């Protein structure tokens, strides 16, 4: 009986990998902004939807953690998948901002259901198997699943929705629904591990410990702010880049190829995290990548203002996205090395908590700016990115 349970527990890793992979197929992503516009939304309303996401995520992060601890990791993940399915169904019929907002709220609830729960399931599984020290490697491979299908998904989306017609969008949405439905098969087969991590206590501790972390460790505070602000700057550009590039003459195919390249880089980078983390001073590497992202953001803005060559701007955009993605495992390792009384998961969750708080006012500002000109959000993102120059990490990681 014990041997059988051990075998089933080991299968949790591959099952969680495929759940993550299938949940993130999202073929619609390559044309998501164009889909919203096709259904009658404005660019400002699209940014309002992201505010809805942030508010729901902020409100339900802890309640979803309560479910994970009291109801079970497996059941909470199953609930998240069902919420995702409901969100895709609404998207098929949505034709106004209210219905889209409900759909986005469901998607955010799914994200909250998975947030912390998936990490806890993997950690608890490793712990029960007596291999807790290998959790970071398992988590790295788990998160690489986000990119595995996205290597080809943008090309599929570009091929199907090349004409930006209603039936093409419906086919793309159907593919995403089928992928999420298949993930249910893997979720049902998960084995609930013994609980060693209290997700609810961890999430509540995030709020209680937030000020303590920031006031007692200025370096972690700088890391959280630089990670969060630069990500928001990137998200602002990502949210409307499809509309901008199509307007200046690029095809949906070009966007599909660009995103496939981005996800190929992200997948192989995540699969080999440990190799990349063995180089030099970690703080210097983080500062270097942050500076590189800022340079690319300003290059993109300069190109938009003075040299709007479509292919040149797309190449800069690809370099910008790839560089931004490369920062994430470095920050994860930074938190892991730096944290003493606060574990890595708590610090990462704190960063996400701050992001949700900052998202609300910043994205409302962008929704107003983009109603005036599509150029203004580029300027706002560049200014936001530049702020992190004031939050550089010291040359050596003190322990």
Protein backbone atom coordinates (compact mmCIF):
# COMPACT_ATOMS: atom_id res chain seq x y z
CA UNK A 1 0.00 0.00 0.00
CA UNK A 2 2.84 2.37 0.93
CA UNK A 3 4.69 1.45 -2.26
CA UNK A 4 1.60 2.14 -4.37
CA UNK A 5 1.10 5.57 -2.75
CA UNK A 6 4.75 6.42 -3.38
CA UNK A 7 4.37 5.56 -7.07
CA UNK A 8 1.23 7.70 -7.32
CA UNK A 9 2.89 10.59 -5.50
CA UNK A 10 5.78 10.54 -7.99
CA UNK A 11 3.25 10.88 -10.80
CA UNK A 12 2.07 14.18 -9.29
CA UNK A 13 5.04 15.96 -10.88
CA UNK A 14 4.25 14.92 -14.45
CA UNK A 15 0.51 15.43 -13.90
CA UNK A 16 1.03 18.94 -12.54
CA UNK A 17 3.37 19.66 -15.47
CA UNK A 18 0.65 18.78 -17.98
CA UNK A 19 -2.03 20.62 -16.03
CA UNK A 20 0.11 23.75 -16.14
CA UNK A 21 0.94 23.21 -19.82
CA UNK A 22 -2.68 22.68 -20.89
CA UNK A 23 -4.01 25.55 -18.78
CA UNK A 24 -1.52 27.85 -20.52
CA UNK A 25 -2.06 26.82 -24.15
CA UNK A 26 -4.03 30.06 -24.65
CA UNK A 27 -3.89 30.18 -28.42
CA UNK A 28 -6.04 33.31 -28.20
CA UNK A 29 -3.18 35.24 -26.54
CA UNK A 30 -1.50 36.10 -29.84
CA UNK A 31 -4.66 37.98 -30.91
CA UNK A 32 -6.36 38.63 -27.55
CA UNK A 33 -6.34 42.43 -27.82
CA UNK A 34 -7.56 42.22 -31.41
CA UNK A 35 -10.32 39.85 -30.26
CA UNK A 36 -11.50 42.33 -27.62
CA UNK A 37 -11.52 45.12 -30.20
CA UNK A 38 -13.41 42.88 -32.64
CA UNK A 39 -16.09 42.31 -29.98
CA UNK A 40 -16.58 46.05 -29.53
CA UNK A 41 -14.32 47.01 -26.62
CA UNK A 42 -12.02 50.03 -26.69
CA UNK A 43 -8.36 49.95 -25.66
CA UNK A 44 -9.29 51.82 -22.48
CA UNK A 45 -11.91 49.18 -21.61
CA UNK A 46 -9.34 46.44 -22.18
CA UNK A 47 -7.16 48.03 -19.50
CA UNK A 48 -10.19 48.31 -17.21
CA UNK A 49 -10.51 44.53 -17.50
CA UNK A 50 -6.98 44.13 -16.17
CA UNK A 51 -8.00 46.28 -13.19
CA UNK A 52 -10.88 43.86 -12.56
CA UNK A 53 -8.36 41.00 -12.62
CA UNK A 54 -6.13 42.78 -10.07
CA UNK A 55 -9.01 43.54 -7.68
CA UNK A 56 -10.38 39.98 -7.74
CA UNK A 57 -6.90 38.52 -7.32
CA UNK A 58 -6.28 40.78 -4.33
CA UNK A 59 -9.59 39.90 -2.66
CA UNK A 60 -9.49 36.14 -3.14
CA UNK A 61 -5.82 35.25 -2.67
CA UNK A 62 -6.29 34.33 0.99
CA UNK A 63 -9.79 32.73 0.74
CA UNK A 64 -8.48 30.43 -2.00
CA UNK A 65 -5.58 29.50 0.27
CA UNK A 66 -8.09 28.59 2.99
CA UNK A 67 -9.72 26.20 0.53
CA UNK A 68 -6.37 24.66 -0.34
CA UNK A 69 -5.62 23.94 3.32
CA UNK A 70 -9.06 22.90 4.54
CA UNK A 71 -10.62 21.39 1.43
CA UNK A 72 -7.45 20.03 -0.17
CA UNK A 73 -4.89 20.99 -2.83
CA UNK A 74 -6.34 18.61 -5.40
CA UNK A 75 -9.93 19.84 -5.00
CA UNK A 76 -8.85 23.48 -5.13
CA UNK A 77 -6.95 22.85 -8.36
CA UNK A 78 -10.00 21.05 -9.79
CA UNK A 79 -12.15 24.04 -8.84
CA UNK A 80 -9.70 26.37 -10.57
CA UNK A 81 -9.92 24.35 -13.79
CA UNK A 82 -13.74 24.47 -13.70
CA UNK A 83 -13.61 28.24 -13.18
CA UNK A 84 -11.31 28.52 -16.18
CA UNK A 85 -13.74 26.51 -18.31
CA UNK A 86 -16.59 28.82 -17.27
CA UNK A 87 -14.47 31.83 -18.23
CA UNK A 88 -13.85 30.43 -21.73
CA UNK A 89 -17.58 29.74 -22.19
CA UNK A 90 -18.38 33.35 -21.33
CA UNK A 91 -15.73 34.60 -23.76
CA UNK A 92 -17.40 32.72 -26.59
CA UNK A 93 -20.61 34.71 -26.09
CA UNK A 94 -19.29 37.98 -24.62
CA UNK A 95 -20.07 41.11 -26.61
CA UNK A 96 -19.81 43.86 -23.99
CA UNK A 97 -17.50 44.89 -21.17
CA UNK A 98 -19.82 43.57 -18.41
CA UNK A 99 -19.76 39.98 -19.67
CA UNK A 100 -16.03 40.19 -20.35
CA UNK A 101 -15.51 41.54 -16.82
CA UNK A 102 -17.34 38.53 -15.34
CA UNK A 103 -15.22 36.24 -17.51
CA UNK A 104 -12.01 37.97 -16.42
CA UNK A 105 -13.13 37.73 -12.77
CA UNK A 106 -13.56 33.96 -13.18
CA UNK A 107 -10.11 33.70 -14.79
CA UNK A 108 -8.64 35.68 -11.88
CA UNK A 109 -10.38 33.35 -9.42
CA UNK A 110 -8.77 30.42 -11.24
CA UNK A 111 -5.39 32.10 -10.90
CA UNK A 112 -6.01 32.68 -7.18
CA UNK A 113 -7.02 29.02 -6.79
CA UNK A 114 -3.72 27.89 -8.29
CA UNK A 115 -1.56 30.58 -6.63
CA UNK A 116 0.41 28.95 -3.83
CA UNK A 117 -1.69 25.77 -4.07
CA UNK A 118 0.32 24.29 -6.94
CA UNK A 119 3.64 25.15 -5.29
CA UNK A 120 2.41 23.66 -2.01
CA UNK A 121 1.29 20.44 -3.70
CA UNK A 122 4.71 20.01 -5.34
CA UNK A 123 6.57 20.88 -2.14
CA UNK A 124 4.39 18.57 -0.01
CA UNK A 125 4.83 15.76 -2.52
CA UNK A 126 8.61 16.18 -2.43
CA UNK A 127 8.55 16.33 1.36
CA UNK A 128 6.51 13.13 1.68
CA UNK A 129 8.89 11.42 -0.74
CA UNK A 130 11.83 12.61 1.38
CA UNK A 131 13.22 14.90 -1.33
CA UNK A 132 12.29 18.39 -0.16
CA UNK A 133 15.76 19.73 -1.07
CA UNK A 134 14.96 19.14 -4.76
CA UNK A 135 11.80 21.27 -4.74
CA UNK A 136 13.38 24.22 -6.59
CA UNK A 137 14.39 22.01 -9.52
CA UNK A 138 10.90 20.46 -9.64
CA UNK A 139 9.29 23.90 -9.51
CA UNK A 140 11.54 25.13 -12.32
CA UNK A 141 10.46 22.29 -14.57
CA UNK A 142 6.83 22.79 -13.51
CA UNK A 143 6.91 26.46 -14.51
CA UNK A 144 8.61 25.62 -17.80
CA UNK A 145 5.30 23.93 -18.69
CA UNK A 146 3.82 27.39 -19.17
CA UNK A 147 5.91 27.79 -22.31
CA UNK A 148 5.98 24.31 -23.86
CA UNK A 149 2.75 24.66 -25.88
CA UNK A 150 3.23 28.39 -26.32
CA UNK A 151 6.15 27.59 -28.60
CA UNK A 152 3.64 26.53 -31.27
CA UNK A 153 0.38 28.05 -29.94
CA UNK A 154 1.12 31.56 -31.34
CA UNK A 155 1.74 30.07 -34.79
CA UNK A 156 -1.50 28.08 -34.60
CA UNK A 157 -3.38 31.18 -33.46
CA UNK A 158 -1.84 33.29 -36.22
CA UNK A 159 -2.68 30.66 -38.84
CA UNK A 160 -6.31 30.27 -37.76
CA UNK A 161 -7.12 33.91 -36.90
CA UNK A 162 -5.09 35.50 -39.68
CA UNK A 163 -8.19 37.20 -41.10
CA UNK A 164 -9.44 38.37 -37.67
CA UNK A 165 -12.91 37.01 -38.47
CA UNK A 166 -15.56 35.93 -35.93
CA UNK A 167 -15.51 32.24 -36.85
CA UNK A 168 -11.72 32.22 -36.62
CA UNK A 169 -11.80 33.64 -33.09
CA UNK A 170 -14.39 31.00 -32.12
CA UNK A 171 -12.16 28.18 -33.38
CA UNK A 172 -9.24 29.55 -31.37
CA UNK A 173 -11.38 29.82 -28.22
CA UNK A 174 -12.61 26.25 -28.77
CA UNK A 175 -9.01 24.98 -28.85
CA UNK A 176 -8.30 26.70 -25.52
CA UNK A 177 -11.47 25.21 -24.01
CA UNK A 178 -10.51 21.71 -25.16
CA UNK A 179 -7.01 22.09 -23.69
CA UNK A 180 -8.43 23.12 -20.31
CA UNK A 181 -10.93 20.23 -20.46
CA UNK A 182 -8.09 17.74 -20.99
CA UNK A 183 -6.29 19.16 -17.95
CA UNK A 184 -9.22 17.90 -15.86
CA UNK A 185 -8.14 14.33 -16.69
CA UNK A 186 -4.73 14.91 -15.10
CA UNK A 187 -6.17 16.82 -12.13
CA UNK A 188 -8.59 14.03 -11.24
CA UNK A 189 -5.64 11.61 -11.07
CA UNK A 190 -3.58 13.73 -8.66
CA UNK A 191 -2.76 12.18 -5.29
CA UNK A 192 -3.30 14.48 -2.31
CA UNK A 193 0.01 14.56 -0.38
CA UNK A 194 0.26 15.00 3.36
CA UNK A 195 0.14 18.70 4.22
CA UNK A 196 3.42 20.19 5.43
CA UNK A 197 2.76 23.74 4.20
CA UNK A 198 -0.18 25.78 5.53
CA UNK A 199 -1.07 27.91 2.50
CA UNK A 200 -3.64 30.04 4.33
CA UNK A 201 -1.27 30.77 7.20
CA UNK A 202 1.45 31.58 4.67
CA UNK A 203 -0.79 34.01 2.74
CA UNK A 204 -2.07 35.73 5.90
CA UNK A 205 1.53 35.93 7.05
CA UNK A 206 2.34 37.78 3.84
CA UNK A 207 0.16 40.70 4.89
CA UNK A 208 1.32 40.61 8.52
CA UNK A 209 4.98 40.38 7.56
CA UNK A 210 4.93 42.86 4.66
CA UNK A 211 6.00 45.90 6.65
CA UNK A 212 8.39 43.83 8.76
CA UNK A 213 10.24 42.58 5.67
CA UNK A 214 10.46 46.02 4.06
CA UNK A 215 11.54 47.82 7.24
CA UNK A 216 14.07 45.20 8.32
CA UNK A 217 15.63 44.38 4.95
CA UNK A 218 15.94 47.28 2.52
CA UNK A 219 17.64 45.08 -0.07
CA UNK A 220 14.65 42.73 -0.34
CA UNK A 221 12.39 45.79 -0.51
CA UNK A 222 14.44 47.10 -3.45
CA UNK A 223 14.28 43.72 -5.16
CA UNK A 224 10.50 43.49 -4.78
CA UNK A 225 9.97 47.01 -6.12
CA UNK A 226 12.34 46.61 -9.08
CA UNK A 227 10.85 43.25 -10.02
CA UNK A 228 7.28 44.53 -9.76
CA UNK A 229 7.59 47.93 -11.42
CA UNK A 230 9.49 46.59 -14.42
CA UNK A 231 6.97 43.79 -14.89
CA UNK A 232 4.06 46.26 -14.85
CA UNK A 233 5.87 48.43 -17.41
CA UNK A 234 6.26 45.37 -19.63
CA UNK A 235 2.65 44.33 -19.14
CA UNK A 236 1.42 47.76 -20.22
CA UNK A 237 3.25 47.43 -23.55
CA UNK A 238 2.16 43.79 -23.96
CA UNK A 239 -1.49 44.61 -23.45
CA UNK A 240 -1.79 46.84 -26.52
CA UNK A 241 1.21 45.85 -28.69
CA UNK A 242 -0.93 43.75 -31.06
CA UNK A 243 -3.09 46.72 -32.01
CA UNK A 244 -0.05 48.96 -32.50
CA UNK A 245 1.90 46.50 -34.65
CA UNK A 246 -1.09 45.64 -36.83
CA UNK A 247 -1.77 49.36 -37.35
CA UNK A 248 1.80 50.00 -38.58
CA UNK A 249 1.64 47.20 -41.12
CA UNK A 250 2.69 43.92 -39.49
CA UNK A 251 0.65 40.77 -40.01
CA UNK A 252 -0.80 38.43 -37.40
CA UNK A 253 1.73 35.88 -38.73
CA UNK A 254 4.61 38.16 -37.73
CA UNK A 255 3.23 38.40 -34.19
CA UNK A 256 2.83 34.62 -34.04
CA UNK A 257 6.44 34.01 -35.08
CA UNK A 258 7.70 36.62 -32.61
CA UNK A 259 5.87 35.02 -29.69
CA UNK A 260 7.03 31.54 -30.64
CA UNK A 261 10.63 32.76 -30.50
CA UNK A 262 10.00 34.38 -27.10
CA UNK A 263 8.53 31.18 -25.65
CA UNK A 264 11.27 28.96 -27.10
CA UNK A 265 13.78 31.08 -25.20
CA UNK A 266 11.64 31.05 -22.04
CA UNK A 267 11.16 27.27 -22.13
CA UNK A 268 14.83 26.36 -22.51
CA UNK A 269 15.88 28.98 -19.98
CA UNK A 270 13.42 27.61 -17.37
CA UNK A 271 14.48 24.03 -18.09
CA UNK A 272 18.11 24.95 -17.36
CA UNK A 273 17.67 27.41 -14.50
CA UNK A 274 20.33 25.82 -12.33
CA UNK A 275 23.03 26.28 -15.01
CA UNK A 276 22.21 29.96 -15.36
CA UNK A 277 22.29 30.47 -11.60
CA UNK A 278 25.91 29.34 -11.25
CA UNK A 279 27.38 32.49 -12.77
CA UNK A 280 29.09 35.34 -10.90
CA UNK A 281 27.45 37.78 -8.53
CA UNK A 282 23.68 37.36 -8.54
CA UNK A 283 22.97 41.00 -7.72
CA UNK A 284 25.09 42.23 -10.63
CA UNK A 285 23.30 39.86 -13.00
CA UNK A 286 19.90 41.14 -11.86
CA UNK A 287 21.02 44.77 -12.20
CA UNK A 288 22.45 44.05 -15.65
CA UNK A 289 19.21 42.48 -16.92
CA UNK A 290 17.12 45.27 -15.39
CA UNK A 291 19.30 47.88 -17.09
CA UNK A 292 19.06 45.98 -20.36
CA UNK A 293 15.26 45.95 -20.14
CA UNK A 294 15.27 49.72 -19.53
CA UNK A 295 17.51 50.24 -22.57
CA UNK A 296 15.20 48.16 -24.76
CA UNK A 297 12.10 50.00 -23.48
CA UNK A 298 13.68 53.34 -24.39
CA UNK A 299 14.85 51.98 -27.75
CA UNK A 300 11.28 50.90 -28.44
CA UNK A 301 9.95 54.33 -27.48
CA UNK A 302 12.59 56.06 -29.64
CA UNK A 303 11.65 53.83 -32.57
CA UNK A 304 7.94 54.50 -32.09
CA UNK A 305 8.54 58.26 -32.06
CA UNK A 306 11.24 58.68 -34.69
CA UNK A 307 11.84 55.45 -36.64
CA UNK A 308 8.61 53.42 -36.82
CA UNK A 309 9.98 50.59 -38.96
CA UNK A 310 7.68 47.60 -38.24
CA UNK A 311 10.30 44.82 -38.35
CA UNK A 312 12.86 46.82 -36.38
CA UNK A 313 10.33 47.58 -33.66
CA UNK A 314 9.20 43.96 -33.53
CA UNK A 315 12.81 42.78 -33.09
CA UNK A 316 13.30 45.24 -30.22
CA UNK A 317 10.03 44.03 -28.69
CA UNK A 318 11.19 40.39 -28.84
CA UNK A 319 14.53 41.25 -27.21
CA UNK A 320 12.68 43.25 -24.56
CA UNK A 321 10.32 40.39 -23.69
CA UNK A 322 13.02 37.72 -23.65
CA UNK A 323 15.26 39.82 -21.39
CA UNK A 324 12.38 40.54 -19.01
CA UNK A 325 11.56 36.83 -18.78
CA UNK A 326 15.18 35.99 -17.97
CA UNK A 327 14.98 38.13 -14.81
CA UNK A 328 12.41 35.92 -13.07
CA UNK A 329 14.47 32.87 -12.05
CA UNK A 330 17.27 35.19 -10.91
CA UNK A 331 14.88 37.03 -8.60
CA UNK A 332 13.55 33.69 -7.33
CA UNK A 333 17.08 32.59 -6.45
CA UNK A 334 17.80 36.00 -4.90
CA UNK A 335 14.81 35.61 -2.56
CA UNK A 336 15.83 32.05 -1.78
CA UNK A 337 19.36 33.08 -0.76
CA UNK A 338 18.38 36.28 1.01
CA UNK A 339 15.40 35.05 3.03
CA UNK A 340 16.06 33.76 6.50
CA UNK A 341 13.00 34.09 8.71
CA UNK A 342 10.76 34.43 5.64
CA UNK A 343 10.64 31.61 3.13
CA UNK A 344 10.96 32.02 -0.60
CA UNK A 345 7.27 31.37 -1.30
CA UNK A 346 6.23 34.08 1.17
CA UNK A 347 8.58 36.63 -0.37
CA UNK A 348 7.48 35.82 -3.91
CA UNK A 349 3.84 36.02 -2.86
CA UNK A 350 4.51 39.36 -1.21
CA UNK A 351 5.85 40.60 -4.53
CA UNK A 352 2.66 39.43 -6.27
CA UNK A 353 0.58 41.09 -3.54
CA UNK A 354 2.30 44.44 -4.15
CA UNK A 355 1.84 44.01 -7.87
CA UNK A 356 -1.93 43.66 -7.50
CA UNK A 357 -2.04 46.82 -5.35
CA UNK A 358 0.08 48.84 -7.80
CA UNK A 359 -1.78 47.48 -10.84
CA UNK A 360 -5.03 49.21 -9.89
CA UNK A 361 -3.96 52.89 -9.99
CA UNK A 362 -1.27 52.45 -12.67
CA UNK A 363 -3.52 50.63 -15.14
CA UNK A 364 -6.34 53.13 -14.58
CA UNK A 365 -3.86 55.88 -15.53
CA UNK A 366 -2.87 53.94 -18.66
CA UNK A 367 -6.52 53.43 -19.63
CA UNK A 368 -6.92 57.23 -19.60
CA UNK A 369 -3.66 57.85 -21.48
CA UNK A 370 -4.41 55.36 -24.26
CA UNK A 371 -7.77 57.04 -24.90
CA UNK A 372 -5.78 60.15 -25.85
CA UNK A 373 -3.04 58.50 -27.93
CA UNK A 374 -1.59 55.01 -28.35
CA UNK A 375 1.88 56.59 -28.01
CA UNK A 376 1.35 57.82 -24.43
CA UNK A 377 1.43 54.34 -22.81
CA UNK A 378 4.86 53.74 -24.38
CA UNK A 379 6.07 56.93 -22.67
CA UNK A 380 4.44 55.98 -19.37
CA UNK A 381 5.99 52.49 -19.47
CA UNK A 382 9.44 53.94 -20.20
CA UNK A 383 9.13 56.36 -17.28
CA UNK A 384 7.93 53.59 -14.96
CA UNK A 385 10.81 51.33 -15.98
CA UNK A 386 13.36 54.09 -15.40
CA UNK A 387 12.26 54.44 -11.76
CA UNK A 388 13.97 51.15 -10.90
CA UNK A 389 17.36 52.79 -11.43
CA UNK A 390 16.78 54.07 -7.88
CA UNK A 391 16.38 50.49 -6.63
CA UNK A 392 19.63 48.89 -7.77
CA UNK A 393 20.90 46.00 -5.68
CA UNK A 394 24.32 46.26 -3.98
CA UNK A 395 27.26 44.59 -5.71
CA UNK A 396 27.53 41.70 -3.30
CA UNK A 397 24.79 39.60 -1.75
CA UNK A 398 25.23 39.82 1.98
CA UNK A 399 24.04 36.76 3.84
